[in-house]
Amino acid sequence: MNRRSHLKGMLGLAGLGLASAQAQSPSKAPPIQLFVEMEVEPSREKEMIDNYHKIFYPEAIKHPGFISLRILKLRKVMQGPPTPINYRFELVFESEELRQKWIASPEHKRVWPTIERTLKHQADYPVLLFDEV
């Protein structure tokens, strides 16, 4: 291995260590997690998934504080009473304040309805906000 490659590798590893230390910094509050329990109309599932991937997700990742976003399809209730939901929307943001800025943005007001209009109950669905502990 030549000296230049070795130095590049060492610098890369040092950067990873710094990023890891910053991620574990106790001064920064843990992110928030938002869960939306959705009952998507079966006839509109493809529309919802397409809108998520092509419209909603590409816009959400642009906003300050965004960490992650995914949508999950329920396979099976393993324990407890049956539930009418068939999808779960999971959003992680650096803080609730930054998420509030995102949902107040014109972009969110444009893209969220593309998801919401595919729900059976557009005015009444569970939205759960969690703090990591």
N, C-alpha and C. Protein backbone atom coordinates (compact mmCIF):
# COMPACT_ATOMS: atom_id res chain seq x y z
N MET A 1 0.86 -1.18 0.00
CA MET A 1 0.00 0.00 0.00
C MET A 1 0.90 1.23 0.00
N ASN A 2 0.63 2.21 -0.86
CA ASN A 2 1.48 3.39 -0.85
C ASN A 2 1.05 4.35 0.25
N ARG A 3 1.94 5.29 0.53
CA ARG A 3 1.74 6.20 1.65
C ARG A 3 0.49 7.08 1.46
N ARG A 4 0.22 7.54 0.23
CA ARG A 4 -0.93 8.40 -0.04
C ARG A 4 -2.24 7.66 0.27
N SER A 5 -2.38 6.42 -0.18
CA SER A 5 -3.58 5.64 0.10
C SER A 5 -3.75 5.41 1.59
N HIS A 6 -2.65 5.14 2.27
CA HIS A 6 -2.70 4.90 3.71
C HIS A 6 -3.18 6.16 4.44
N LEU A 7 -2.64 7.34 4.05
CA LEU A 7 -3.06 8.59 4.69
C LEU A 7 -4.53 8.90 4.42
N LYS A 8 -4.99 8.67 3.19
CA LYS A 8 -6.40 8.90 2.87
C LYS A 8 -7.29 8.02 3.73
N GLY A 9 -6.91 6.76 3.89
CA GLY A 9 -7.69 5.84 4.71
C GLY A 9 -7.74 6.28 6.16
N MET A 10 -6.60 6.74 6.69
CA MET A 10 -6.56 7.21 8.09
C MET A 10 -7.42 8.45 8.28
N LEU A 11 -7.37 9.38 7.32
CA LEU A 11 -8.19 10.59 7.42
C LEU A 11 -9.67 10.25 7.37
N GLY A 12 -10.04 9.29 6.52
CA GLY A 12 -11.44 8.87 6.42
C GLY A 12 -11.93 8.28 7.74
N LEU A 13 -11.10 7.45 8.36
CA LEU A 13 -11.48 6.85 9.64
C LEU A 13 -11.57 7.90 10.74
N ALA A 14 -10.67 8.87 10.73
CA ALA A 14 -10.71 9.94 11.72
C ALA A 14 -12.01 10.73 11.58
N GLY A 15 -12.43 10.99 10.35
CA GLY A 15 -13.68 11.70 10.11
C GLY A 15 -14.87 10.93 10.64
N LEU A 16 -14.86 9.61 10.46
CA LEU A 16 -15.95 8.79 10.98
C LEU A 16 -16.01 8.86 12.50
N GLY A 17 -14.87 8.86 13.15
CA GLY A 17 -14.83 8.95 14.60
C GLY A 17 -15.40 10.26 15.09
N LEU A 18 -15.07 11.35 14.39
CA LEU A 18 -15.59 12.66 14.76
C LEU A 18 -17.10 12.71 14.57
N ALA A 19 -17.58 12.19 13.46
CA ALA A 19 -19.04 12.17 13.22
C ALA A 19 -19.75 11.35 14.28
N SER A 20 -19.15 10.24 14.68
CA SER A 20 -19.76 9.39 15.71
C SER A 20 -19.81 10.13 17.04
N ALA A 21 -18.73 10.83 17.38
CA ALA A 21 -18.70 11.56 18.63
C ALA A 21 -19.73 12.68 18.63
N GLN A 22 -19.90 13.36 17.48
CA GLN A 22 -20.89 14.41 17.39
C GLN A 22 -22.30 13.84 17.52
N ALA A 23 -22.54 12.68 16.93
CA ALA A 23 -23.87 12.06 16.99
C ALA A 23 -24.23 11.67 18.41
N GLN A 24 -23.23 11.39 19.24
CA GLN A 24 -23.49 10.95 20.60
C GLN A 24 -23.44 12.11 21.60
N SER A 25 -23.29 13.33 21.12
CA SER A 25 -23.19 14.50 21.97
C SER A 25 -24.42 14.63 22.85
N PRO A 26 -24.22 14.70 24.19
CA PRO A 26 -25.37 14.78 25.09
C PRO A 26 -26.06 16.14 25.05
N SER A 27 -25.42 17.17 24.47
CA SER A 27 -26.04 18.50 24.45
C SER A 27 -27.17 18.60 23.44
N LYS A 28 -27.22 17.72 22.49
CA LYS A 28 -28.26 17.78 21.47
C LYS A 28 -29.43 16.88 21.89
N ALA A 29 -30.65 17.44 21.81
CA ALA A 29 -31.83 16.67 22.18
C ALA A 29 -32.06 15.55 21.17
N PRO A 30 -32.60 14.43 21.61
CA PRO A 30 -32.90 13.35 20.66
C PRO A 30 -34.00 13.77 19.69
N PRO A 31 -34.05 13.16 18.53
CA PRO A 31 -35.06 13.52 17.53
C PRO A 31 -36.46 13.10 17.96
N ILE A 32 -37.43 13.67 17.28
CA ILE A 32 -38.83 13.27 17.49
C ILE A 32 -39.21 12.26 16.42
N GLN A 33 -40.20 11.46 16.73
CA GLN A 33 -40.71 10.50 15.75
C GLN A 33 -42.22 10.65 15.69
N LEU A 34 -42.71 10.75 14.47
CA LEU A 34 -44.14 10.90 14.24
C LEU A 34 -44.64 9.68 13.49
N PHE A 35 -45.74 9.12 13.97
CA PHE A 35 -46.34 7.95 13.34
C PHE A 35 -47.77 8.31 12.94
N VAL A 36 -48.10 8.04 11.70
CA VAL A 36 -49.46 8.24 11.22
C VAL A 36 -50.00 6.86 10.86
N GLU A 37 -51.05 6.46 11.57
CA GLU A 37 -51.69 5.16 11.33
C GLU A 37 -52.74 5.38 10.25
N MET A 38 -52.56 4.75 9.11
CA MET A 38 -53.40 5.06 7.96
C MET A 38 -54.21 3.86 7.50
N GLU A 39 -55.45 4.13 7.18
CA GLU A 39 -56.30 3.14 6.53
C GLU A 39 -56.49 3.61 5.09
N VAL A 40 -55.64 3.09 4.23
CA VAL A 40 -55.66 3.48 2.82
C VAL A 40 -56.72 2.66 2.10
N GLU A 41 -57.50 3.35 1.28
CA GLU A 41 -58.50 2.66 0.44
C GLU A 41 -57.77 1.62 -0.42
N PRO A 42 -58.18 0.35 -0.38
CA PRO A 42 -57.49 -0.67 -1.18
C PRO A 42 -57.37 -0.30 -2.66
N SER A 43 -58.38 0.33 -3.21
CA SER A 43 -58.33 0.70 -4.62
C SER A 43 -57.36 1.85 -4.91
N ARG A 44 -56.85 2.49 -3.84
CA ARG A 44 -55.96 3.65 -4.01
C ARG A 44 -54.55 3.40 -3.49
N GLU A 45 -54.25 2.14 -3.13
CA GLU A 45 -52.92 1.84 -2.58
C GLU A 45 -51.80 2.20 -3.55
N LYS A 46 -51.92 1.82 -4.80
CA LYS A 46 -50.87 2.12 -5.77
C LYS A 46 -50.68 3.63 -5.91
N GLU A 47 -51.77 4.37 -5.95
CA GLU A 47 -51.70 5.83 -6.03
C GLU A 47 -50.96 6.40 -4.83
N MET A 48 -51.29 5.92 -3.62
CA MET A 48 -50.64 6.42 -2.41
C MET A 48 -49.15 6.12 -2.44
N ILE A 49 -48.77 4.91 -2.79
CA ILE A 49 -47.36 4.53 -2.82
C ILE A 49 -46.60 5.34 -3.87
N ASP A 50 -47.18 5.50 -5.04
CA ASP A 50 -46.55 6.31 -6.09
C ASP A 50 -46.38 7.76 -5.62
N ASN A 51 -47.42 8.32 -5.01
CA ASN A 51 -47.33 9.70 -4.53
C ASN A 51 -46.28 9.84 -3.43
N TYR A 52 -46.18 8.85 -2.57
CA TYR A 52 -45.17 8.88 -1.51
C TYR A 52 -43.77 8.94 -2.14
N HIS A 53 -43.50 8.02 -3.06
CA HIS A 53 -42.15 7.92 -3.64
C HIS A 53 -41.82 9.05 -4.62
N LYS A 54 -42.80 9.51 -5.37
CA LYS A 54 -42.52 10.48 -6.44
C LYS A 54 -42.78 11.94 -6.04
N ILE A 55 -43.64 12.16 -5.05
CA ILE A 55 -44.02 13.53 -4.70
C ILE A 55 -43.63 13.88 -3.27
N PHE A 56 -44.12 13.10 -2.29
CA PHE A 56 -43.94 13.47 -0.89
C PHE A 56 -42.50 13.33 -0.43
N TYR A 57 -41.93 12.16 -0.57
CA TYR A 57 -40.57 11.90 -0.08
C TYR A 57 -39.54 12.86 -0.69
N PRO A 58 -39.52 13.04 -2.02
CA PRO A 58 -38.52 13.94 -2.60
C PRO A 58 -38.61 15.37 -2.06
N GLU A 59 -39.79 15.81 -1.67
CA GLU A 59 -39.92 17.15 -1.09
C GLU A 59 -39.52 17.16 0.38
N ALA A 60 -39.91 16.15 1.14
CA ALA A 60 -39.64 16.13 2.58
C ALA A 60 -38.14 16.15 2.88
N ILE A 61 -37.35 15.43 2.10
CA ILE A 61 -35.92 15.34 2.40
C ILE A 61 -35.18 16.67 2.24
N LYS A 62 -35.79 17.64 1.61
CA LYS A 62 -35.17 18.95 1.38
C LYS A 62 -35.24 19.86 2.60
N HIS A 63 -36.08 19.54 3.57
CA HIS A 63 -36.38 20.48 4.64
C HIS A 63 -35.44 20.33 5.84
N PRO A 64 -35.06 21.47 6.44
CA PRO A 64 -34.17 21.45 7.60
C PRO A 64 -34.74 20.60 8.72
N GLY A 65 -33.89 19.77 9.30
CA GLY A 65 -34.29 18.92 10.41
C GLY A 65 -34.72 17.53 10.01
N PHE A 66 -34.95 17.31 8.72
CA PHE A 66 -35.35 15.99 8.24
C PHE A 66 -34.26 14.97 8.56
N ILE A 67 -34.67 13.81 9.11
CA ILE A 67 -33.75 12.70 9.35
C ILE A 67 -34.14 11.50 8.52
N SER A 68 -35.39 11.06 8.65
CA SER A 68 -35.80 9.90 7.86
C SER A 68 -37.32 9.87 7.70
N LEU A 69 -37.73 9.08 6.72
CA LEU A 69 -39.15 8.93 6.43
C LEU A 69 -39.33 7.59 5.75
N ARG A 70 -40.33 6.87 6.19
CA ARG A 70 -40.65 5.62 5.52
C ARG A 70 -42.12 5.31 5.70
N ILE A 71 -42.58 4.45 4.81
CA ILE A 71 -43.96 4.02 4.89
C ILE A 71 -43.94 2.49 4.95
N LEU A 72 -44.75 1.94 5.84
CA LEU A 72 -44.77 0.50 6.05
C LEU A 72 -46.17 -0.03 5.78
N LYS A 73 -46.23 -1.20 5.17
CA LYS A 73 -47.52 -1.86 4.94
C LYS A 73 -47.68 -2.95 5.99
N LEU A 74 -48.82 -2.94 6.68
CA LEU A 74 -49.10 -3.94 7.71
C LEU A 74 -49.25 -5.31 7.07
N ARG A 75 -48.49 -6.25 7.58
CA ARG A 75 -48.60 -7.62 7.09
C ARG A 75 -49.61 -8.41 7.92
N LYS A 76 -49.51 -8.27 9.26
CA LYS A 76 -50.33 -9.11 10.13
C LYS A 76 -50.32 -8.55 11.54
N VAL A 77 -51.47 -8.58 12.22
CA VAL A 77 -51.54 -8.23 13.63
C VAL A 77 -51.12 -9.49 14.40
N MET A 78 -50.04 -9.39 15.11
CA MET A 78 -49.48 -10.56 15.81
C MET A 78 -50.10 -10.74 17.20
N GLN A 79 -50.52 -9.65 17.82
CA GLN A 79 -51.08 -9.73 19.17
C GLN A 79 -52.01 -8.55 19.36
N GLY A 80 -53.03 -8.73 20.16
CA GLY A 80 -53.98 -7.65 20.44
C GLY A 80 -55.13 -7.66 19.45
N PRO A 81 -56.02 -6.69 19.63
CA PRO A 81 -57.22 -6.65 18.77
C PRO A 81 -56.86 -6.26 17.34
N PRO A 82 -57.66 -6.70 16.39
CA PRO A 82 -57.43 -6.29 14.99
C PRO A 82 -57.55 -4.77 14.86
N THR A 83 -56.89 -4.24 13.89
CA THR A 83 -56.90 -2.81 13.67
C THR A 83 -57.28 -2.51 12.22
N PRO A 84 -57.96 -1.40 11.98
CA PRO A 84 -58.34 -1.10 10.59
C PRO A 84 -57.19 -0.53 9.76
N ILE A 85 -56.06 -0.20 10.39
CA ILE A 85 -54.97 0.41 9.61
C ILE A 85 -54.33 -0.63 8.69
N ASN A 86 -53.83 -0.16 7.57
CA ASN A 86 -53.07 -1.05 6.69
C ASN A 86 -51.70 -0.46 6.32
N TYR A 87 -51.45 0.80 6.72
CA TYR A 87 -50.15 1.43 6.49
C TYR A 87 -49.76 2.26 7.70
N ARG A 88 -48.46 2.39 7.89
CA ARG A 88 -47.92 3.28 8.93
C ARG A 88 -46.89 4.18 8.26
N PHE A 89 -47.05 5.45 8.51
CA PHE A 89 -46.16 6.48 8.01
C PHE A 89 -45.25 6.87 9.17
N GLU A 90 -43.95 6.80 8.99
CA GLU A 90 -43.00 7.11 10.07
C GLU A 90 -42.06 8.23 9.63
N LEU A 91 -42.06 9.31 10.40
CA LEU A 91 -41.25 10.47 10.09
C LEU A 91 -40.36 10.78 11.29
N VAL A 92 -39.08 11.01 11.05
CA VAL A 92 -38.16 11.39 12.12
C VAL A 92 -37.56 12.74 11.75
N PHE A 93 -37.66 13.69 12.70
CA PHE A 93 -37.12 15.03 12.53
C PHE A 93 -36.23 15.36 13.72
N GLU A 94 -35.30 16.28 13.52
CA GLU A 94 -34.38 16.67 14.60
C GLU A 94 -35.13 17.24 15.80
N SER A 95 -36.24 17.94 15.56
CA SER A 95 -37.01 18.52 16.66
C SER A 95 -38.45 18.74 16.22
N GLU A 96 -39.33 18.91 17.19
CA GLU A 96 -40.72 19.19 16.89
C GLU A 96 -40.85 20.59 16.27
N GLU A 97 -40.00 21.51 16.68
CA GLU A 97 -40.04 22.86 16.12
C GLU A 97 -39.75 22.84 14.61
N LEU A 98 -38.75 22.05 14.20
CA LEU A 98 -38.42 21.96 12.78
C LEU A 98 -39.52 21.21 12.00
N ARG A 99 -40.13 20.22 12.64
CA ARG A 99 -41.23 19.52 11.97
C ARG A 99 -42.41 20.46 11.77
N GLN A 100 -42.68 21.29 12.77
CA GLN A 100 -43.77 22.26 12.65
C GLN A 100 -43.51 23.24 11.50
N LYS A 101 -42.26 23.64 11.32
CA LYS A 101 -41.92 24.52 10.19
C LYS A 101 -42.19 23.81 8.87
N TRP A 102 -41.85 22.52 8.83
CA TRP A 102 -42.08 21.72 7.61
C TRP A 102 -43.57 21.64 7.31
N ILE A 103 -44.39 21.31 8.32
CA ILE A 103 -45.81 21.14 8.03
C ILE A 103 -46.52 22.47 7.75
N ALA A 104 -45.92 23.58 8.18
CA ALA A 104 -46.50 24.90 7.88
C ALA A 104 -46.05 25.42 6.51
N SER A 105 -45.12 24.72 5.88
CA SER A 105 -44.56 25.19 4.61
C SER A 105 -45.55 25.00 3.46
N PRO A 106 -45.45 25.84 2.44
CA PRO A 106 -46.29 25.67 1.25
C PRO A 106 -46.05 24.32 0.57
N GLU A 107 -44.82 23.83 0.65
CA GLU A 107 -44.49 22.54 0.04
C GLU A 107 -45.26 21.40 0.70
N HIS A 108 -45.32 21.40 2.03
CA HIS A 108 -46.06 20.36 2.74
C HIS A 108 -47.55 20.46 2.43
N LYS A 109 -48.05 21.67 2.40
CA LYS A 109 -49.47 21.88 2.09
C LYS A 109 -49.82 21.39 0.68
N ARG A 110 -48.82 21.35 -0.19
CA ARG A 110 -49.02 20.84 -1.55
C ARG A 110 -48.89 19.32 -1.61
N VAL A 111 -47.94 18.73 -0.87
CA VAL A 111 -47.66 17.30 -1.04
C VAL A 111 -48.42 16.37 -0.10
N TRP A 112 -48.74 16.81 1.12
CA TRP A 112 -49.46 15.91 2.04
C TRP A 112 -50.83 15.50 1.51
N PRO A 113 -51.61 16.39 0.90
CA PRO A 113 -52.91 15.97 0.37
C PRO A 113 -52.83 14.84 -0.66
N THR A 114 -51.70 14.68 -1.33
CA THR A 114 -51.57 13.57 -2.29
C THR A 114 -51.57 12.22 -1.58
N ILE A 115 -51.17 12.22 -0.32
CA ILE A 115 -51.22 11.00 0.50
C ILE A 115 -52.58 10.92 1.19
N GLU A 116 -52.95 11.99 1.83
CA GLU A 116 -54.17 12.01 2.65
C GLU A 116 -55.43 11.67 1.86
N ARG A 117 -55.49 12.08 0.62
CA ARG A 117 -56.71 11.83 -0.16
C ARG A 117 -56.94 10.34 -0.46
N THR A 118 -55.95 9.51 -0.21
CA THR A 118 -56.11 8.06 -0.44
C THR A 118 -56.62 7.33 0.81
N LEU A 119 -56.81 8.06 1.92
CA LEU A 119 -57.25 7.46 3.17
C LEU A 119 -58.77 7.33 3.22
N LYS A 120 -59.23 6.28 3.89
CA LYS A 120 -60.68 6.10 4.06
C LYS A 120 -61.27 7.21 4.91
N HIS A 121 -60.57 7.61 5.97
CA HIS A 121 -61.07 8.62 6.91
C HIS A 121 -60.09 9.78 6.92
N GLN A 122 -60.29 10.74 6.06
CA GLN A 122 -59.33 11.82 5.87
C GLN A 122 -59.31 12.83 7.01
N ALA A 123 -60.35 12.91 7.79
CA ALA A 123 -60.40 13.89 8.87
C ALA A 123 -60.08 13.29 10.23
N ASP A 124 -60.00 11.97 10.33
CA ASP A 124 -59.88 11.35 11.64
C ASP A 124 -59.00 10.10 11.56
N TYR A 125 -57.70 10.30 11.68
CA TYR A 125 -56.76 9.18 11.70
C TYR A 125 -55.73 9.46 12.78
N PRO A 126 -55.23 8.42 13.44
CA PRO A 126 -54.29 8.62 14.53
C PRO A 126 -52.94 9.16 14.05
N VAL A 127 -52.48 10.23 14.72
CA VAL A 127 -51.16 10.79 14.49
C VAL A 127 -50.50 10.82 15.86
N LEU A 128 -49.41 10.10 16.01
CA LEU A 128 -48.76 9.92 17.30
C LEU A 128 -47.37 10.53 17.28
N LEU A 129 -47.06 11.40 18.24
CA LEU A 129 -45.76 12.05 18.34
C LEU A 129 -45.00 11.47 19.52
N PHE A 130 -43.80 10.99 19.27
CA PHE A 130 -42.98 10.37 20.32
C PHE A 130 -41.66 11.11 20.48
N ASP A 131 -41.17 11.15 21.71
CA ASP A 131 -39.83 11.61 22.02
C ASP A 131 -38.99 10.38 22.34
N GLU A 132 -37.78 10.36 21.84
CA GLU A 132 -36.87 9.27 22.18
C GLU A 132 -36.37 9.48 23.60
N VAL A 133 -36.33 8.40 24.37
CA VAL A 133 -35.86 8.50 25.77
C VAL A 133 -34.64 7.63 26.00
